[in-house]
Protein backbone atom coordinates (compact mmCIF):
# COMPACT_ATOMS: atom_id res chain seq x y z
CA MET A 1 -41.55 78.67 48.17
CA GLU A 2 -38.48 76.68 47.17
CA GLN A 3 -38.89 74.84 43.87
CA PRO A 4 -38.79 71.03 44.36
CA SER A 5 -35.78 69.28 42.87
CA PRO A 6 -36.56 67.65 39.51
CA ASP A 7 -36.82 63.88 39.33
CA LEU A 8 -33.96 62.62 37.13
CA SER A 9 -34.79 58.93 37.50
CA THR A 10 -35.33 56.81 34.42
CA HIS A 11 -36.41 53.24 33.71
CA ILE A 12 -34.39 50.94 31.46
CA ALA A 13 -35.22 47.27 30.93
CA GLY A 14 -36.70 46.80 34.38
CA MET A 15 -33.98 48.81 36.10
CA THR A 16 -34.61 52.13 37.83
CA LEU A 17 -31.66 54.47 37.44
CA ARG A 18 -31.33 57.49 39.72
CA ASN A 19 -30.41 59.59 36.68
CA PRO A 20 -29.86 58.98 32.96
CA VAL A 21 -26.04 59.27 32.98
CA MET A 22 -24.16 56.02 32.44
CA THR A 23 -20.54 55.31 31.58
CA ALA A 24 -19.67 53.89 28.16
CA SER A 25 -17.92 50.55 28.00
CA GLY A 26 -14.18 50.75 27.36
CA THR A 27 -13.81 54.31 28.65
CA PHE A 28 -14.23 53.82 32.41
CA GLY A 29 -12.23 50.69 33.11
CA TYR A 30 -13.99 48.39 35.54
CA GLY A 31 -15.31 51.31 37.57
CA GLY A 32 -12.92 51.20 40.51
CA GLU A 33 -10.21 53.04 38.56
CA PHE A 34 -12.29 56.24 38.86
CA ARG A 35 -13.15 55.95 42.55
CA GLU A 36 -10.83 58.84 43.56
CA LEU A 37 -12.18 61.12 40.82
CA VAL A 38 -15.90 60.41 40.61
CA ASP A 39 -18.64 59.73 43.14
CA LEU A 40 -19.61 56.37 41.68
CA ARG A 41 -22.79 56.32 43.78
CA ARG A 42 -24.12 59.32 41.86
CA LEU A 43 -24.00 57.61 38.47
CA GLY A 44 -27.12 56.21 36.86
CA ALA A 45 -25.21 53.03 36.02
CA ILE A 46 -21.66 51.82 35.44
CA VAL A 47 -21.02 49.91 32.22
CA VAL A 48 -17.71 48.09 32.60
CA LYS A 49 -15.06 47.40 30.01
CA GLY A 50 -16.06 44.67 27.53
CA LEU A 51 -15.41 41.16 28.84
CA SER A 52 -14.69 37.93 27.02
CA LEU A 53 -14.57 34.34 28.25
CA GLN A 54 -10.77 34.37 28.42
CA PRO A 55 -8.39 37.28 29.07
CA SER A 56 -7.33 39.13 25.93
CA PRO A 57 -4.20 41.26 25.36
CA GLY A 58 -5.89 43.31 22.65
CA ASN A 59 -4.05 44.82 19.69
CA PRO A 60 -0.38 45.84 19.60
CA PRO A 61 0.43 49.56 20.01
CA PRO A 62 0.04 52.24 18.87
CA ARG A 63 -3.64 51.84 19.70
CA ILE A 64 -4.95 55.41 20.17
CA VAL A 65 -4.68 58.43 17.89
CA GLU A 66 -6.12 61.86 18.59
CA THR A 67 -8.16 63.29 15.73
CA PRO A 68 -9.91 66.62 15.15
CA CYS A 69 -12.92 66.60 17.50
CA GLY A 70 -12.31 63.07 18.74
CA MET A 71 -10.08 60.05 18.80
CA LEU A 72 -9.44 56.77 17.02
CA ASN A 73 -8.92 53.67 19.12
CA ALA A 74 -7.90 50.15 18.20
CA ILE A 75 -7.49 48.75 21.71
CA GLY A 76 -8.80 45.43 20.44
CA LEU A 77 -11.05 44.78 23.45
CA GLU A 78 -8.19 44.05 25.86
CA ASN A 79 -9.68 42.71 29.09
CA ILE A 80 -9.07 40.49 32.13
CA GLY A 81 -11.74 37.91 31.29
CA ILE A 82 -15.02 37.16 33.03
CA ALA A 83 -13.56 34.88 35.72
CA GLU A 84 -10.97 37.42 36.91
CA PHE A 85 -13.57 40.18 36.81
CA ARG A 86 -15.84 38.23 39.14
CA ALA A 87 -12.94 37.29 41.40
CA SER A 88 -11.18 40.64 41.73
CA ARG A 89 -13.34 43.55 40.53
CA LEU A 90 -16.92 42.72 41.40
CA LYS A 91 -16.21 42.71 45.14
CA PHE A 92 -15.70 46.48 45.06
CA LEU A 93 -18.55 47.19 42.66
CA ARG A 94 -21.15 45.26 44.65
CA LYS A 95 -20.64 47.69 47.54
CA LEU A 96 -22.00 50.54 45.43
CA ASP A 97 -25.66 51.38 45.28
CA THR A 98 -25.30 51.76 41.52
CA PRO A 99 -26.46 49.30 38.84
CA ILE A 100 -23.53 47.42 37.29
CA ILE A 101 -23.90 46.52 33.62
CA VAL A 102 -21.45 44.09 32.07
CA ASN A 103 -20.56 44.48 28.40
CA ILE A 104 -19.77 41.18 26.67
CA TYR A 105 -18.30 40.16 23.34
CA GLY A 106 -17.18 37.08 21.45
CA GLN A 107 -16.31 35.74 18.03
CA HIS A 108 -18.78 32.86 18.13
CA GLN A 109 -22.39 32.73 19.24
CA ALA A 110 -21.36 30.15 21.83
CA ASP A 111 -19.00 32.69 23.43
CA TYR A 112 -21.82 35.15 24.02
CA VAL A 113 -24.19 32.49 25.32
CA ALA A 114 -21.60 31.12 27.74
CA LEU A 115 -20.90 34.62 29.08
CA ALA A 116 -24.60 35.32 29.51
CA GLU A 117 -25.09 32.07 31.42
CA ILE A 118 -22.18 32.88 33.75
CA ILE A 119 -23.49 36.38 34.41
CA ASP A 120 -27.00 35.05 34.99
CA ASP A 121 -25.70 33.39 38.17
CA GLU A 122 -24.29 36.68 39.51
CA PRO A 123 -26.97 38.62 41.46
CA ASP A 124 -24.83 41.75 41.75
CA ILE A 125 -24.81 42.34 37.99
CA ALA A 126 -27.90 44.31 36.97
CA ALA A 127 -27.86 43.81 33.21
CA ILE A 128 -25.87 42.67 30.18
CA GLU A 129 -24.86 44.90 27.29
CA VAL A 130 -23.97 42.94 24.16
CA ASN A 131 -21.34 44.28 21.79
CA ILE A 132 -22.42 43.02 18.37
CA SER A 133 -19.74 44.96 16.48
CA CYS A 134 -17.40 41.98 16.77
CA PRO A 135 -16.42 39.70 13.86
CA ASN A 136 -18.50 36.56 13.41
CA VAL A 137 -15.79 34.00 12.64
CA LYS A 138 -18.21 31.49 11.17
CA ALA A 139 -19.56 34.12 8.77
CA GLY A 140 -16.13 35.00 7.41
CA GLY A 141 -15.42 37.85 9.80
CA ILE A 142 -18.48 40.00 9.13
CA ALA A 143 -19.67 41.74 12.29
CA PHE A 144 -22.79 40.32 13.95
CA GLY A 145 -24.24 43.82 14.12
CA VAL A 146 -24.23 44.65 10.41
CA ASP A 147 -26.64 41.89 9.40
CA ALA A 148 -30.20 41.87 10.74
CA VAL A 149 -30.54 38.07 10.52
CA ALA A 150 -27.24 37.46 12.34
CA ALA A 151 -28.07 40.08 14.99
CA ALA A 152 -31.52 38.58 15.55
CA ASP A 153 -30.21 35.01 15.78
CA LEU A 154 -27.52 36.02 18.27
CA THR A 155 -30.03 37.94 20.39
CA ARG A 156 -32.40 34.97 20.45
CA ARG A 157 -29.65 32.62 21.63
CA ILE A 158 -28.40 34.96 24.33
CA ARG A 159 -31.95 35.64 25.48
CA ALA A 160 -32.42 31.92 26.03
CA GLY A 161 -29.34 31.85 28.26
CA THR A 162 -30.18 34.61 30.72
CA THR A 163 -33.01 36.26 32.61
CA LYS A 164 -30.97 39.46 33.03
CA PRO A 165 -32.06 42.60 31.19
CA LEU A 166 -30.46 42.51 27.76
CA ILE A 167 -29.14 45.63 26.04
CA LEU A 168 -27.88 45.29 22.47
CA LYS A 169 -25.18 47.81 21.53
CA LEU A 170 -25.62 48.67 17.87
CA SER A 171 -23.02 49.40 15.22
CA PRO A 172 -23.41 52.55 13.07
CA ASN A 173 -21.53 50.91 10.21
CA VAL A 174 -24.75 49.82 8.51
CA THR A 175 -27.10 51.05 5.82
CA ASP A 176 -30.21 51.11 8.02
CA ILE A 177 -29.71 50.93 11.78
CA THR A 178 -33.46 50.76 12.41
CA GLU A 179 -33.59 47.38 10.66
CA ILE A 180 -31.05 45.99 13.13
CA ALA A 181 -32.84 47.59 16.08
CA ARG A 182 -36.20 46.10 15.11
CA ALA A 183 -34.59 42.69 14.55
CA VAL A 184 -33.05 42.49 18.04
CA GLU A 185 -36.20 43.88 19.65
CA ALA A 186 -38.23 41.09 18.04
CA GLU A 187 -35.91 38.46 19.55
CA GLY A 188 -36.00 39.68 23.13
CA ALA A 189 -33.70 42.68 23.55
CA ASP A 190 -34.94 44.79 26.46
CA ALA A 191 -33.15 47.94 25.25
CA VAL A 192 -30.66 49.11 22.64
CA SER A 193 -27.62 51.35 23.06
CA LEU A 194 -26.18 53.30 20.15
CA ILE A 195 -23.93 54.14 18.56
CA ASN A 196 -20.72 52.18 18.79
CA THR A 197 -17.71 53.76 17.09
CA ILE A 198 -17.49 54.56 13.39
CA THR A 199 -14.65 52.84 11.51
CA GLY A 200 -11.88 55.24 10.48
CA MET A 201 -8.14 55.57 10.00
CA ALA A 202 -5.26 58.06 10.16
CA ILE A 203 -1.98 58.19 8.23
CA ASP A 204 1.50 59.46 9.18
CA ILE A 205 2.31 61.29 5.95
CA GLU A 206 6.07 61.47 6.61
CA ALA A 207 6.38 57.76 7.29
CA ARG A 208 3.57 56.94 4.86
CA ARG A 209 2.26 54.42 7.32
CA PRO A 210 -1.00 54.04 9.26
CA LYS A 211 -0.87 55.73 12.67
CA LEU A 212 -2.59 52.72 14.23
CA ALA A 213 -0.89 49.33 14.24
CA ASN A 214 -4.28 47.84 13.45
CA ILE A 215 -4.55 50.22 10.42
CA THR A 216 -8.18 51.11 11.20
CA GLY A 217 -9.87 51.97 14.46
CA GLY A 218 -13.09 53.23 15.98
CA LEU A 219 -13.80 56.95 15.76
CA SER A 220 -15.46 58.49 18.81
CA GLY A 221 -15.94 61.93 20.30
CA PRO A 222 -17.77 65.11 19.23
CA ALA A 223 -17.06 64.43 15.54
CA ILE A 224 -19.61 61.60 15.50
CA ARG A 225 -22.27 63.26 17.67
CA PRO A 226 -24.54 64.52 14.84
CA VAL A 227 -24.50 61.05 13.26
CA ALA A 228 -25.21 59.38 16.59
CA LEU A 229 -28.01 61.81 17.38
CA ARG A 230 -29.68 61.17 14.03
CA MET A 231 -29.48 57.40 14.50
CA VAL A 232 -30.82 57.58 18.07
CA TRP A 233 -33.79 59.61 16.87
CA GLN A 234 -34.47 57.16 14.03
CA VAL A 235 -34.27 54.12 16.31
CA ALA A 236 -36.38 55.74 19.03
CA CYS A 237 -39.08 56.25 16.40
CA ALA A 238 -38.76 52.65 15.17
CA VAL A 239 -38.83 50.55 18.38
CA THR A 240 -40.84 50.44 21.58
CA ILE A 241 -37.98 49.38 23.87
CA PRO A 242 -35.80 52.03 25.59
CA VAL A 243 -32.93 53.59 23.67
CA ILE A 244 -29.62 54.58 25.28
CA GLY A 245 -27.78 57.31 23.39
CA ILE A 246 -24.01 57.26 22.89
CA GLY A 247 -21.68 59.34 20.74
CA GLY A 248 -19.61 62.41 21.52
CA ILE A 249 -21.53 63.51 24.61
CA MET A 250 -19.17 65.96 26.31
CA ASN A 251 -21.51 68.09 28.44
CA GLY A 252 -25.05 68.43 29.66
CA ARG A 253 -26.36 70.19 26.57
CA ASP A 254 -25.11 67.29 24.43
CA ALA A 255 -26.85 64.80 26.72
CA LEU A 256 -30.07 66.80 26.58
CA GLU A 257 -30.10 66.64 22.78
CA PHE A 258 -30.09 62.84 22.96
CA LEU A 259 -32.81 62.77 25.62
CA ILE A 260 -35.05 65.12 23.64
CA ALA A 261 -34.43 62.98 20.54
CA GLY A 262 -35.86 59.97 22.38
CA ALA A 263 -33.08 58.40 24.45
CA SER A 264 -34.12 57.31 27.94
CA ALA A 265 -30.50 57.47 29.10
CA VAL A 266 -27.07 58.32 27.75
CA GLN A 267 -23.57 56.88 27.99
CA VAL A 268 -20.50 59.07 28.34
CA GLY A 269 -17.29 57.79 26.77
CA THR A 270 -14.56 59.90 25.18
CA ALA A 271 -15.36 62.79 27.54
CA ASN A 272 -13.95 60.68 30.41
CA PHE A 273 -10.48 60.92 28.82
CA VAL A 274 -10.69 64.71 28.57
CA ASN A 275 -12.40 65.37 31.89
CA PRO A 276 -12.57 62.42 34.32
CA ARG A 277 -15.43 64.19 36.13
CA ALA A 278 -17.49 64.67 32.96
CA THR A 279 -20.27 62.36 34.17
CA MET A 280 -20.71 64.39 37.37
CA ASP A 281 -20.83 67.65 35.43
CA ILE A 282 -23.41 66.24 33.02
CA ILE A 283 -25.68 65.09 35.85
CA ASP A 284 -25.51 68.60 37.34
CA ASP A 285 -26.13 70.23 33.96
CA VAL A 286 -29.23 68.11 33.25
CA HIS A 287 -30.57 68.82 36.75
CA ASP A 288 -30.03 72.57 36.37
CA PHE A 289 -31.63 72.67 32.92
CA MET A 290 -34.72 70.83 34.14
CA GLN A 291 -35.02 73.20 37.07
CA GLN A 292 -34.64 76.26 34.86
CA GLN A 293 -37.20 74.91 32.38
CA ASN A 294 -39.64 73.80 35.12
CA VAL A 295 -39.43 70.18 33.95
CA SER A 296 -40.35 68.10 36.98
CA GLN A 297 -39.65 64.61 35.59
CA LEU A 298 -37.08 63.35 33.15
CA SER A 299 -39.77 61.37 31.35
CA ASP A 300 -41.35 64.69 30.29
CA LEU A 301 -38.12 65.52 28.50
CA VAL A 302 -37.49 62.17 26.79
CA GLY A 303 -38.72 62.18 23.20
CA SER A 304 -40.06 65.74 23.47
CA LEU A 305 -38.63 66.80 20.11
CA GLU A 306 -41.06 69.00 18.18
CA LEU A 307 -40.83 68.54 14.44
CA PRO A 308 -41.73 71.20 11.88
CA SER A 309 -45.27 70.83 10.62
């Protein structure tokens, strides 16, 4: 008798995803750019490039530097703005039978709230992911995501402005990421995604100058995976809302580590630059592993880590 195909579906913040593989914001454009390379209808969800109220040119170049086992980026959240996204990009995305998640950012609480209210009126957007690694201008430039009180206050205000599922994307540049996770959960976050990039830099030793025009940038890729995995496990143990794992996931085995650690889904980022079809390969790898291991449902795999006694 032929073995039934395993059920890869997962539930995040009221959404049912056909599988746990999502794209990571900033690494997959607005989705349509990959239409000739990836079957977008196979993805669990598409998380689009971070959007602000107004278009932003981002940082001056050079903005990307390859590093051992990863890359540094200082794109500076370049984007077309929420109005242009709705006018020109959403038309294509709404044709897909794939949940569309919009990542938002701002420098003031009011920016985030305004974005959430705009998105709340758009039925074709499934959820909002909030980038809280941005500088809080009123607090002297400190990122919203490194202070539990600031993160909680921002979450509460955004929550009041939308009925959409709310995913808070957490920064790893903190002493205790579980404190931030619990704070946003208490104020209405429906899920958390982690980790965002780790701050780093690179130097041109001949020129004795930073390789990035911005001096520092966000480190991503396999180099940060062990750190991300540890933080995902810690947060999954600390909150009751779903956790989405991000950080150096290049193949199915990497994704499975995050799922076993407690993530209900994963986002694939840097791998898209190396292999544009990475998300498809990871879906296949997870499916094959579950079949080989006689795991019938993804939920049986999530959080199945066995600790030493």
